[in-house]
């Protein structure tokens, strides 16, 4: 049972000078109290964003690892189901690109903007890539178009100018080549050819697809990831 509020206690809180008296008793001026409240709100917003980033990474890991764990248990018990897993290589650790200052081909800054919940397909070809890059660009264009209503949540990032004849879908974002970015991409200089990467909305590289990968596998993985958001 809660104690009833008496008229005297209510008057003390809401009457003239009540707020000032409370501030004087606490030793803080109204301006200082307001500043403290604003700082607390900023800290709270920052904590919420950090928690959201962690949650996305946990969901990604769970999305790929839990089916594998269940399949492993069932195989161990001699039930032999088909193993469910991602088509791309799940990177661990996941390279963090958030602090990089990326720029578009026009020199404008490129921001990750996590609130937009956009997934990125990253292509980082070597200079002089021609026929292979044209073929890959058309495959990625097809993958993007097949997302239908979810296509607005997928972008294709291309480092350097695409070659003549390359597909240029509405999702394409041409970025300046960045040595810092290239240094963080696992095995980007693959002698077998051109790998492709998937970046989550926060700026973490989570998947790598080797040269000659099946575009259908990339689409299937991204379709699953889009459902998480």
Foldseek 3Di string as FASTA:
>chain_A
DDDDDDPVVVCCCPPPCNVVVVCVVVVHGPVRVVVVVVVVVVVVVVVVVVVVVVVLVVVLCCLFVVQQVVQVVCVVVVNDDDRDHAQFDFDPPWQFCQPPFWAFPVRHTDHLPLVLFAKEKEWEDDPPDAPLQQVVQVLVVVLLVVVPPCSVRYAYEYEDDGYPNHDDDPRYTYIHDDPVVVVRDPPCVPVVHIKMFMATSNRTTTGIGDPPGDSVSVSVSVVSSSVVD
